[in-house]
Amino acid sequence: MKRGMNKKAQAGIESKTINWIIAFMVLLAVGLGIYFFMEKAGTIGTNIPGAEEAISQGCAMAASSGLQQTYCTQLRQLANDKYITCDKAKENGITIDSALVDSLNSACSGMEEERKIKILRECSQGDFEGDKKVMINGKTCIKWGEGTCFGLGGTWKEECVNEKEEDKSASVIDKFGKPGENYKCCVII
């Protein structure tokens, strides 16, 4: 009489086979889950607008709302150490969709002194203080401050603080390279 496997041994083999099949299916499910998660995670960053798109949208909103001050003087970060105002967007390859862009760009030319004051304020006491690499509309802070107290490495005298704010950005050197009218308020260190 041939001896076969007893029922207990046969049940153990079937149990091991079922356990292996279940373990394989769990590993397959985990592997597929990781694969699909990684596939989805790779596309998450594509929905975030880049700096150019953010500038385009922000400038379009300022233009369509007629916010000349914001359009002409608000600094927008284009790259790590590069900032621009909306009227300089086209020079940097950024398109702004608004019918008012041309009129606002020409209006910005009348706000050069106001823009310079704001930029010099940022360069001397704001976020860019002491940073020589920062470019604003294609010029460094030092270049923006040429001929001004800040550009000469000076500070404004305490007794001059009550004078017009615009004087802080005014040239302290005249067109001949000699001390000008505002030189008395600048302390060069």
N, C-alpha and C. Protein backbone atom coordinates (compact mmCIF):
# COMPACT_ATOMS: atom_id res chain seq x y z
N MET A 1 0.82 -1.14 0.00
CA MET A 1 0.00 0.00 0.00
C MET A 1 0.89 1.24 0.00
N LYS A 2 0.57 2.08 -0.87
CA LYS A 2 1.33 3.30 -1.03
C LYS A 2 0.94 4.28 0.04
N ARG A 3 2.02 4.84 0.47
CA ARG A 3 1.73 5.83 1.51
C ARG A 3 1.69 7.22 0.89
N GLY A 4 0.74 7.96 1.10
CA GLY A 4 0.63 9.35 0.63
C GLY A 4 0.84 10.29 1.80
N MET A 5 0.67 11.52 1.51
CA MET A 5 0.83 12.49 2.58
C MET A 5 -0.37 12.43 3.49
N ASN A 6 -0.08 12.63 4.71
CA ASN A 6 -1.22 12.67 5.61
C ASN A 6 -1.93 14.02 5.47
N LYS A 7 -3.07 14.06 5.99
CA LYS A 7 -3.91 15.27 5.83
C LYS A 7 -3.30 16.49 6.50
N LYS A 8 -2.60 16.29 7.59
CA LYS A 8 -2.00 17.40 8.31
C LYS A 8 -0.90 18.04 7.46
N ALA A 9 -0.05 17.28 6.85
CA ALA A 9 1.04 17.80 6.02
C ALA A 9 0.48 18.50 4.79
N GLN A 10 -0.55 17.90 4.20
CA GLN A 10 -1.17 18.49 3.02
C GLN A 10 -1.78 19.85 3.36
N ALA A 11 -2.38 19.98 4.50
CA ALA A 11 -2.98 21.25 4.93
C ALA A 11 -1.90 22.30 5.17
N GLY A 12 -0.74 21.89 5.69
CA GLY A 12 0.37 22.82 5.94
C GLY A 12 0.92 23.39 4.65
N ILE A 13 1.04 22.57 3.61
CA ILE A 13 1.54 23.04 2.31
C ILE A 13 0.55 24.01 1.69
N GLU A 14 -0.73 23.69 1.74
CA GLU A 14 -1.76 24.59 1.20
C GLU A 14 -1.76 25.92 1.94
N SER A 15 -1.56 25.90 3.24
CA SER A 15 -1.53 27.11 4.06
C SER A 15 -0.33 27.97 3.69
N LYS A 16 0.84 27.33 3.51
CA LYS A 16 2.04 28.08 3.12
C LYS A 16 1.86 28.70 1.73
N THR A 17 1.28 27.98 0.82
CA THR A 17 1.05 28.50 -0.53
C THR A 17 0.12 29.70 -0.49
N ILE A 18 -0.92 29.62 0.27
CA ILE A 18 -1.88 30.73 0.39
C ILE A 18 -1.18 31.94 1.03
N ASN A 19 -0.36 31.69 2.05
CA ASN A 19 0.37 32.80 2.70
C ASN A 19 1.32 33.47 1.71
N TRP A 20 2.01 32.69 0.89
CA TRP A 20 2.91 33.25 -0.11
C TRP A 20 2.14 34.08 -1.15
N ILE A 21 1.02 33.60 -1.56
CA ILE A 21 0.19 34.33 -2.54
C ILE A 21 -0.28 35.65 -1.94
N ILE A 22 -0.73 35.61 -0.69
CA ILE A 22 -1.20 36.83 -0.02
C ILE A 22 -0.05 37.81 0.15
N ALA A 23 1.13 37.34 0.58
CA ALA A 23 2.30 38.21 0.75
C ALA A 23 2.69 38.85 -0.57
N PHE A 24 2.67 38.05 -1.66
CA PHE A 24 2.99 38.59 -2.98
C PHE A 24 2.00 39.67 -3.39
N MET A 25 0.71 39.45 -3.14
CA MET A 25 -0.32 40.44 -3.51
C MET A 25 -0.16 41.73 -2.70
N VAL A 26 0.19 41.61 -1.40
CA VAL A 26 0.40 42.79 -0.56
C VAL A 26 1.60 43.58 -1.08
N LEU A 27 2.70 42.89 -1.36
CA LEU A 27 3.89 43.56 -1.91
C LEU A 27 3.59 44.23 -3.25
N LEU A 28 2.82 43.56 -4.09
CA LEU A 28 2.43 44.13 -5.38
C LEU A 28 1.60 45.40 -5.18
N ALA A 29 0.65 45.36 -4.23
CA ALA A 29 -0.19 46.53 -3.96
C ALA A 29 0.65 47.69 -3.42
N VAL A 30 1.59 47.40 -2.50
CA VAL A 30 2.46 48.44 -1.95
C VAL A 30 3.34 49.03 -3.06
N GLY A 31 3.91 48.16 -3.88
CA GLY A 31 4.76 48.62 -4.99
C GLY A 31 4.00 49.51 -5.95
N LEU A 32 2.78 49.09 -6.33
CA LEU A 32 1.96 49.91 -7.23
C LEU A 32 1.57 51.23 -6.58
N GLY A 33 1.29 51.19 -5.28
CA GLY A 33 0.95 52.43 -4.56
C GLY A 33 2.11 53.41 -4.58
N ILE A 34 3.31 52.92 -4.32
CA ILE A 34 4.50 53.78 -4.35
C ILE A 34 4.72 54.32 -5.76
N TYR A 35 4.58 53.48 -6.76
CA TYR A 35 4.77 53.90 -8.15
C TYR A 35 3.81 55.03 -8.52
N PHE A 36 2.51 54.84 -8.23
CA PHE A 36 1.52 55.86 -8.60
C PHE A 36 1.70 57.13 -7.79
N PHE A 37 2.11 57.01 -6.52
CA PHE A 37 2.37 58.19 -5.70
C PHE A 37 3.53 59.00 -6.29
N MET A 38 4.61 58.31 -6.64
CA MET A 38 5.77 59.00 -7.21
C MET A 38 5.44 59.62 -8.57
N GLU A 39 4.61 58.93 -9.33
CA GLU A 39 4.18 59.46 -10.64
C GLU A 39 3.40 60.76 -10.44
N LYS A 40 2.51 60.77 -9.45
CA LYS A 40 1.69 61.95 -9.17
C LYS A 40 2.54 63.06 -8.56
N ALA A 41 3.47 62.69 -7.68
CA ALA A 41 4.32 63.69 -7.02
C ALA A 41 5.19 64.43 -8.04
N GLY A 42 5.56 63.80 -9.12
CA GLY A 42 6.38 64.44 -10.15
C GLY A 42 5.66 65.54 -10.88
N THR A 43 4.33 65.53 -10.91
CA THR A 43 3.57 66.55 -11.63
C THR A 43 3.05 67.66 -10.72
N ILE A 44 3.22 67.53 -9.41
CA ILE A 44 2.70 68.54 -8.49
C ILE A 44 3.32 69.90 -8.75
N GLY A 45 4.64 69.98 -8.92
CA GLY A 45 5.33 71.25 -9.13
C GLY A 45 5.00 71.93 -10.44
N THR A 46 4.42 71.23 -11.40
CA THR A 46 4.14 71.85 -12.69
C THR A 46 2.94 72.79 -12.64
N ASN A 47 2.13 72.71 -11.60
CA ASN A 47 0.96 73.57 -11.49
C ASN A 47 1.26 74.88 -10.78
N ILE A 48 2.45 75.01 -10.22
CA ILE A 48 2.84 76.24 -9.52
C ILE A 48 3.44 77.19 -10.55
N PRO A 49 2.92 78.42 -10.63
CA PRO A 49 3.46 79.34 -11.64
C PRO A 49 4.89 79.75 -11.30
N GLY A 50 5.70 79.94 -12.33
CA GLY A 50 7.07 80.40 -12.14
C GLY A 50 7.07 81.89 -11.88
N ALA A 51 8.25 82.43 -11.65
CA ALA A 51 8.37 83.85 -11.34
C ALA A 51 7.82 84.71 -12.47
N GLU A 52 8.11 84.32 -13.71
CA GLU A 52 7.64 85.11 -14.85
C GLU A 52 6.11 85.15 -14.91
N GLU A 53 5.50 83.99 -14.68
CA GLU A 53 4.03 83.93 -14.70
C GLU A 53 3.42 84.74 -13.56
N ALA A 54 4.03 84.64 -12.38
CA ALA A 54 3.54 85.41 -11.23
C ALA A 54 3.67 86.92 -11.48
N ILE A 55 4.78 87.33 -12.07
CA ILE A 55 4.97 88.76 -12.40
C ILE A 55 3.95 89.18 -13.44
N SER A 56 3.76 88.36 -14.47
CA SER A 56 2.80 88.68 -15.52
C SER A 56 1.40 88.86 -14.95
N GLN A 57 0.98 87.95 -14.10
CA GLN A 57 -0.36 88.02 -13.50
C GLN A 57 -0.50 89.22 -12.57
N GLY A 58 0.52 89.45 -11.72
CA GLY A 58 0.47 90.58 -10.78
C GLY A 58 0.46 91.91 -11.50
N CYS A 59 1.27 92.02 -12.54
CA CYS A 59 1.33 93.28 -13.30
C CYS A 59 0.05 93.50 -14.10
N ALA A 60 -0.51 92.43 -14.65
CA ALA A 60 -1.77 92.54 -15.39
C ALA A 60 -2.88 93.02 -14.46
N MET A 61 -2.88 92.49 -13.24
CA MET A 61 -3.90 92.90 -12.27
C MET A 61 -3.73 94.37 -11.89
N ALA A 62 -2.48 94.80 -11.66
CA ALA A 62 -2.22 96.21 -11.33
C ALA A 62 -2.60 97.11 -12.49
N ALA A 63 -2.29 96.68 -13.72
CA ALA A 63 -2.59 97.48 -14.91
C ALA A 63 -4.08 97.59 -15.13
N SER A 64 -4.79 96.47 -15.06
CA SER A 64 -6.23 96.51 -15.32
C SER A 64 -6.99 97.26 -14.23
N SER A 65 -6.39 97.33 -13.02
CA SER A 65 -7.02 98.10 -11.94
C SER A 65 -6.60 99.56 -11.96
N GLY A 66 -5.65 99.89 -12.85
CA GLY A 66 -5.18 101.27 -12.94
C GLY A 66 -4.32 101.70 -11.76
N LEU A 67 -3.67 100.75 -11.12
CA LEU A 67 -2.84 101.06 -9.95
C LEU A 67 -1.43 101.48 -10.41
N GLN A 68 -1.31 102.73 -10.79
CA GLN A 68 -0.07 103.24 -11.35
C GLN A 68 1.09 103.12 -10.37
N GLN A 69 0.87 103.49 -9.12
CA GLN A 69 1.91 103.43 -8.09
C GLN A 69 2.46 102.01 -7.96
N THR A 70 1.57 101.03 -7.86
CA THR A 70 1.97 99.64 -7.73
C THR A 70 2.67 99.17 -8.99
N TYR A 71 2.12 99.50 -10.13
CA TYR A 71 2.67 99.08 -11.42
C TYR A 71 4.09 99.61 -11.62
N CYS A 72 4.32 100.87 -11.25
CA CYS A 72 5.59 101.52 -11.55
C CYS A 72 6.66 101.33 -10.48
N THR A 73 6.29 101.12 -9.23
CA THR A 73 7.31 101.12 -8.16
C THR A 73 7.43 99.82 -7.38
N GLN A 74 6.43 98.94 -7.42
CA GLN A 74 6.53 97.71 -6.63
C GLN A 74 7.55 96.76 -7.24
N LEU A 75 8.50 96.32 -6.42
CA LEU A 75 9.54 95.41 -6.88
C LEU A 75 9.01 93.99 -6.88
N ARG A 76 9.26 93.29 -7.97
CA ARG A 76 8.80 91.90 -8.12
C ARG A 76 10.03 91.03 -8.39
N GLN A 77 10.13 89.91 -7.66
CA GLN A 77 11.31 89.06 -7.77
C GLN A 77 11.25 88.20 -9.02
N LEU A 78 12.25 88.38 -9.88
CA LEU A 78 12.35 87.62 -11.11
C LEU A 78 13.25 86.39 -10.93
N ALA A 79 14.32 86.55 -10.20
CA ALA A 79 15.27 85.46 -9.91
C ALA A 79 15.82 85.70 -8.52
N ASN A 80 16.77 84.88 -8.12
CA ASN A 80 17.30 84.95 -6.77
C ASN A 80 17.73 86.35 -6.35
N ASP A 81 18.54 87.03 -7.13
CA ASP A 81 19.00 88.37 -6.79
C ASP A 81 18.59 89.39 -7.85
N LYS A 82 17.46 89.16 -8.52
CA LYS A 82 17.03 90.04 -9.61
C LYS A 82 15.57 90.45 -9.40
N TYR A 83 15.34 91.76 -9.37
CA TYR A 83 14.02 92.33 -9.15
C TYR A 83 13.70 93.31 -10.27
N ILE A 84 12.43 93.41 -10.62
CA ILE A 84 12.00 94.36 -11.64
C ILE A 84 10.69 95.01 -11.22
N THR A 85 10.37 96.12 -11.89
CA THR A 85 9.05 96.71 -11.77
C THR A 85 8.29 96.33 -13.05
N CYS A 86 6.99 96.48 -13.04
CA CYS A 86 6.16 96.02 -14.16
C CYS A 86 6.54 96.65 -15.49
N ASP A 87 6.92 97.93 -15.47
CA ASP A 87 7.25 98.59 -16.74
C ASP A 87 8.53 98.04 -17.37
N LYS A 88 9.30 97.27 -16.63
CA LYS A 88 10.52 96.65 -17.16
C LYS A 88 10.30 95.17 -17.49
N ALA A 89 9.06 94.71 -17.39
CA ALA A 89 8.76 93.29 -17.64
C ALA A 89 9.06 92.89 -19.09
N LYS A 90 8.67 93.73 -20.04
CA LYS A 90 8.87 93.40 -21.45
C LYS A 90 10.35 93.23 -21.78
N GLU A 91 11.20 94.07 -21.20
CA GLU A 91 12.64 93.97 -21.41
C GLU A 91 13.21 92.64 -20.91
N ASN A 92 12.47 92.00 -20.01
CA ASN A 92 12.90 90.72 -19.44
C ASN A 92 12.12 89.55 -20.01
N GLY A 93 11.44 89.78 -21.15
CA GLY A 93 10.73 88.71 -21.85
C GLY A 93 9.41 88.30 -21.24
N ILE A 94 8.81 89.17 -20.44
CA ILE A 94 7.54 88.86 -19.79
C ILE A 94 6.44 89.66 -20.45
N THR A 95 5.37 88.98 -20.85
CA THR A 95 4.23 89.63 -21.49
C THR A 95 3.15 89.89 -20.45
N ILE A 96 2.59 91.09 -20.49
CA ILE A 96 1.50 91.45 -19.58
C ILE A 96 0.25 91.67 -20.43
N ASP A 97 -0.79 90.91 -20.12
CA ASP A 97 -2.04 91.02 -20.87
C ASP A 97 -2.94 92.08 -20.26
N SER A 98 -2.91 93.26 -20.82
CA SER A 98 -3.80 94.34 -20.40
C SER A 98 -3.75 95.44 -21.45
N ALA A 99 -4.89 96.04 -21.67
CA ALA A 99 -4.97 97.12 -22.65
C ALA A 99 -4.29 98.40 -22.14
N LEU A 100 -4.10 98.50 -20.83
CA LEU A 100 -3.55 99.72 -20.23
C LEU A 100 -2.03 99.73 -20.11
N VAL A 101 -1.36 98.67 -20.55
CA VAL A 101 0.08 98.54 -20.37
C VAL A 101 0.85 99.71 -20.99
N ASP A 102 0.56 100.06 -22.22
CA ASP A 102 1.30 101.12 -22.90
C ASP A 102 1.15 102.47 -22.18
N SER A 103 -0.07 102.78 -21.77
CA SER A 103 -0.27 104.07 -21.09
C SER A 103 0.40 104.08 -19.71
N LEU A 104 0.38 102.96 -19.02
CA LEU A 104 1.04 102.90 -17.72
C LEU A 104 2.56 102.93 -17.87
N ASN A 105 3.09 102.26 -18.89
CA ASN A 105 4.53 102.31 -19.11
C ASN A 105 5.01 103.73 -19.34
N SER A 106 4.25 104.52 -20.12
CA SER A 106 4.66 105.90 -20.35
C SER A 106 4.46 106.75 -19.09
N ALA A 107 3.46 106.42 -18.29
CA ALA A 107 3.24 107.16 -17.04
C ALA A 107 4.37 106.89 -16.04
N CYS A 108 4.98 105.71 -16.11
CA CYS A 108 6.08 105.37 -15.20
C CYS A 108 7.29 106.26 -15.41
N SER A 109 7.48 106.75 -16.63
CA SER A 109 8.64 107.60 -16.87
C SER A 109 8.53 108.90 -16.07
N GLY A 110 7.33 109.31 -15.73
CA GLY A 110 7.12 110.49 -14.90
C GLY A 110 7.29 110.21 -13.42
N MET A 111 7.51 108.93 -13.06
CA MET A 111 7.65 108.55 -11.66
C MET A 111 9.07 108.08 -11.33
N GLU A 112 10.03 108.44 -12.17
CA GLU A 112 11.41 107.98 -11.97
C GLU A 112 11.96 108.36 -10.60
N GLU A 113 11.73 109.60 -10.18
CA GLU A 113 12.28 110.06 -8.90
C GLU A 113 11.64 109.29 -7.74
N GLU A 114 10.33 109.07 -7.82
CA GLU A 114 9.62 108.32 -6.78
C GLU A 114 10.12 106.87 -6.72
N ARG A 115 10.33 106.28 -7.90
CA ARG A 115 10.85 104.91 -7.96
C ARG A 115 12.26 104.86 -7.35
N LYS A 116 13.09 105.84 -7.70
CA LYS A 116 14.46 105.88 -7.20
C LYS A 116 14.47 105.98 -5.67
N ILE A 117 13.59 106.80 -5.12
CA ILE A 117 13.49 106.94 -3.66
C ILE A 117 13.13 105.60 -3.03
N LYS A 118 12.15 104.92 -3.59
CA LYS A 118 11.73 103.64 -3.04
C LYS A 118 12.86 102.61 -3.14
N ILE A 119 13.54 102.56 -4.27
CA ILE A 119 14.63 101.60 -4.45
C ILE A 119 15.78 101.92 -3.50
N LEU A 120 16.14 103.20 -3.37
CA LEU A 120 17.22 103.57 -2.46
C LEU A 120 16.85 103.26 -1.01
N ARG A 121 15.59 103.42 -0.67
CA ARG A 121 15.14 103.09 0.68
C ARG A 121 15.31 101.58 0.93
N GLU A 122 14.95 100.76 -0.06
CA GLU A 122 15.13 99.31 0.06
C GLU A 122 16.61 98.96 0.16
N CYS A 123 17.42 99.65 -0.63
CA CYS A 123 18.86 99.36 -0.65
C CYS A 123 19.55 99.79 0.64
N SER A 124 19.10 100.87 1.24
CA SER A 124 19.81 101.39 2.40
C SER A 124 19.27 100.90 3.73
N GLN A 125 18.00 100.56 3.80
CA GLN A 125 17.46 100.13 5.09
C GLN A 125 16.46 98.99 4.97
N GLY A 126 16.21 98.54 3.78
CA GLY A 126 15.21 97.49 3.59
C GLY A 126 15.82 96.12 3.44
N ASP A 127 15.17 95.29 2.66
CA ASP A 127 15.57 93.90 2.47
C ASP A 127 16.93 93.75 1.82
N PHE A 128 17.37 94.72 1.05
CA PHE A 128 18.61 94.58 0.29
C PHE A 128 19.79 95.27 0.93
N GLU A 129 19.64 95.74 2.15
CA GLU A 129 20.69 96.51 2.81
C GLU A 129 22.00 95.71 2.85
N GLY A 130 23.04 96.29 2.30
CA GLY A 130 24.35 95.67 2.31
C GLY A 130 24.56 94.57 1.27
N ASP A 131 23.55 94.26 0.49
CA ASP A 131 23.68 93.20 -0.52
C ASP A 131 24.11 93.81 -1.84
N LYS A 132 25.33 93.52 -2.25
CA LYS A 132 25.89 94.14 -3.46
C LYS A 132 25.53 93.38 -4.73
N LYS A 133 24.94 92.18 -4.60
CA LYS A 133 24.63 91.38 -5.79
C LYS A 133 23.23 91.67 -6.34
N VAL A 134 22.37 92.25 -5.54
CA VAL A 134 20.98 92.47 -5.95
C VAL A 134 20.91 93.43 -7.14
N MET A 135 20.17 93.01 -8.16
CA MET A 135 19.94 93.83 -9.34
C MET A 135 18.47 94.26 -9.34
N ILE A 136 18.24 95.56 -9.50
CA ILE A 136 16.89 96.09 -9.57
C ILE A 136 16.77 96.84 -10.89
N ASN A 137 15.89 96.36 -11.75
CA ASN A 137 15.73 96.94 -13.08
C ASN A 137 17.07 97.07 -13.80
N GLY A 138 17.91 96.06 -13.63
CA GLY A 138 19.17 96.01 -14.35
C GLY A 138 20.34 96.77 -13.73
N LYS A 139 20.13 97.37 -12.55
CA LYS A 139 21.21 98.11 -11.88
C LYS A 139 21.36 97.60 -10.45
N THR A 140 22.59 97.61 -9.95
CA THR A 140 22.83 97.25 -8.56
C THR A 140 22.41 98.41 -7.66
N CYS A 141 22.29 98.12 -6.37
CA CYS A 141 21.95 99.18 -5.42
C CYS A 141 22.99 100.30 -5.46
N ILE A 142 24.25 99.94 -5.59
CA ILE A 142 25.31 100.95 -5.65
C ILE A 142 25.11 101.85 -6.87
N LYS A 143 24.75 101.26 -8.00
CA LYS A 143 24.53 102.05 -9.22
C LYS A 143 23.31 102.97 -9.04
N TRP A 144 22.25 102.46 -8.38
CA TRP A 144 21.07 103.31 -8.13
C TRP A 144 21.45 104.48 -7.24
N GLY A 145 22.39 104.24 -6.32
CA GLY A 145 22.75 105.28 -5.36
C GLY A 145 23.89 106.17 -5.79
N GLU A 146 24.35 106.04 -7.03
CA GLU A 146 25.47 106.86 -7.51
C GLU A 146 25.21 108.34 -7.27
N GLY A 147 26.15 108.98 -6.61
CA GLY A 147 26.05 110.42 -6.35
C GLY A 147 25.19 110.76 -5.16
N THR A 148 24.52 109.76 -4.58
CA THR A 148 23.69 110.02 -3.40
C THR A 148 24.52 109.70 -2.16
N CYS A 149 24.02 110.08 -1.02
CA CYS A 149 24.70 109.81 0.24
C CYS A 149 24.88 108.30 0.41
N PHE A 150 23.85 107.54 0.13
CA PHE A 150 23.92 106.08 0.23
C PHE A 150 24.97 105.52 -0.71
N GLY A 151 24.97 106.01 -1.93
CA GLY A 151 25.93 105.53 -2.92
C GLY A 151 27.37 105.82 -2.56
N LEU A 152 27.58 106.86 -1.77
CA LEU A 152 28.93 107.21 -1.33
C LEU A 152 29.31 106.47 -0.04
N GLY A 153 28.40 105.62 0.45
CA GLY A 153 28.68 104.86 1.66
C GLY A 153 28.40 105.66 2.92
N GLY A 154 27.61 106.70 2.81
CA GLY A 154 27.33 107.55 3.96
C GLY A 154 25.96 107.28 4.57
N THR A 155 25.69 108.02 5.64
CA THR A 155 24.39 107.97 6.31
C THR A 155 23.86 109.38 6.42
N TRP A 156 22.56 109.50 6.58
CA TRP A 156 21.91 110.80 6.66
C TRP A 156 22.04 111.34 8.08
N LYS A 157 22.42 112.60 8.21
CA LYS A 157 22.56 113.22 9.54
C LYS A 157 21.19 113.27 10.23
N GLU A 158 21.23 113.12 11.55
CA GLU A 158 20.00 113.12 12.36
C GLU A 158 19.24 114.44 12.20
N GLU A 159 19.95 115.58 12.18
CA GLU A 159 19.26 116.87 12.07
C GLU A 159 18.61 117.10 10.71
N CYS A 160 18.97 116.30 9.73
CA CYS A 160 18.39 116.43 8.40
C CYS A 160 17.18 115.51 8.19
N VAL A 161 16.90 114.65 9.14
CA VAL A 161 15.83 113.67 8.98
C VAL A 161 14.48 114.35 8.78
N ASN A 162 14.26 115.49 9.39
CA ASN A 162 12.97 116.17 9.27
C ASN A 162 12.78 116.87 7.94
N GLU A 163 13.86 116.99 7.16
CA GLU A 163 13.74 117.61 5.85
C GLU A 163 12.97 116.68 4.92
N LYS A 164 12.65 117.18 3.75
CA LYS A 164 11.88 116.38 2.80
C LYS A 164 12.52 115.02 2.57
N GLU A 165 11.71 113.97 2.57
CA GLU A 165 12.18 112.60 2.35
C GLU A 165 12.92 112.47 1.01
N GLU A 166 12.48 113.21 0.02
CA GLU A 166 13.09 113.12 -1.30
C GLU A 166 14.57 113.51 -1.27
N ASP A 167 14.94 114.40 -0.33
CA ASP A 167 16.32 114.84 -0.26
C ASP A 167 17.28 113.69 0.03
N LYS A 168 16.80 112.65 0.69
CA LYS A 168 17.66 111.52 1.01
C LYS A 168 18.17 110.83 -0.25
N SER A 169 17.39 110.87 -1.30
CA SER A 169 17.84 110.22 -2.53
C SER A 169 18.44 111.23 -3.51
N ALA A 170 18.36 112.50 -3.16
CA ALA A 170 18.89 113.53 -4.06
C ALA A 170 20.41 113.44 -4.10
N SER A 171 20.95 113.87 -5.18
CA SER A 171 22.39 113.82 -5.37
C SER A 171 23.09 114.73 -4.38
N VAL A 172 24.18 114.26 -3.81
CA VAL A 172 24.99 115.09 -2.93
C VAL A 172 26.23 115.60 -3.67
N ILE A 173 26.36 115.16 -4.91
CA ILE A 173 27.48 115.58 -5.76
C ILE A 173 26.88 116.34 -6.95
N ASP A 174 27.42 117.49 -7.26
CA ASP A 174 26.88 118.25 -8.40
C ASP A 174 27.43 117.69 -9.72
N LYS A 175 27.00 118.27 -10.82
CA LYS A 175 27.38 117.75 -12.13
C LYS A 175 28.88 117.89 -12.42
N PHE A 176 29.58 118.66 -11.61
CA PHE A 176 31.03 118.82 -11.80
C PHE A 176 31.83 117.92 -10.86
N GLY A 177 31.12 117.06 -10.08
CA GLY A 177 31.79 116.14 -9.17
C GLY A 177 32.18 116.76 -7.85
N LYS A 178 31.65 117.94 -7.55
CA LYS A 178 31.95 118.63 -6.29
C LYS A 178 30.75 118.48 -5.35
N PRO A 179 30.97 118.66 -4.03
CA PRO A 179 29.86 118.56 -3.08
C PRO A 179 28.72 119.50 -3.45
N GLY A 180 27.53 118.96 -3.48
CA GLY A 180 26.35 119.73 -3.84
C GLY A 180 25.60 120.24 -2.62
N GLU A 181 24.40 120.75 -2.88
CA GLU A 181 23.55 121.37 -1.85
C GLU A 181 23.22 120.40 -0.71
N ASN A 182 22.98 119.12 -1.00
CA ASN A 182 22.59 118.16 0.03
C ASN A 182 23.77 117.51 0.75
N TYR A 183 24.96 117.87 0.37
CA TYR A 183 26.16 117.26 0.95
C TYR A 183 26.23 117.47 2.46
N LYS A 184 25.70 118.62 2.92
CA LYS A 184 25.73 118.94 4.35
C LYS A 184 24.98 117.93 5.21
N CYS A 185 24.04 117.21 4.61
CA CYS A 185 23.24 116.23 5.36
C CYS A 185 23.82 114.82 5.34
N CYS A 186 24.89 114.62 4.59
CA CYS A 186 25.46 113.29 4.43
C CYS A 186 26.75 113.14 5.25
N VAL A 187 26.81 112.10 6.07
CA VAL A 187 28.01 111.79 6.84
C VAL A 187 28.65 110.58 6.17
N ILE A 188 29.79 110.81 5.55
CA ILE A 188 30.49 109.72 4.86
C ILE A 188 31.44 109.06 5.86
N ILE A 189 31.24 107.79 6.01
CA ILE A 189 31.98 107.02 7.03
C ILE A 189 33.30 106.52 6.44
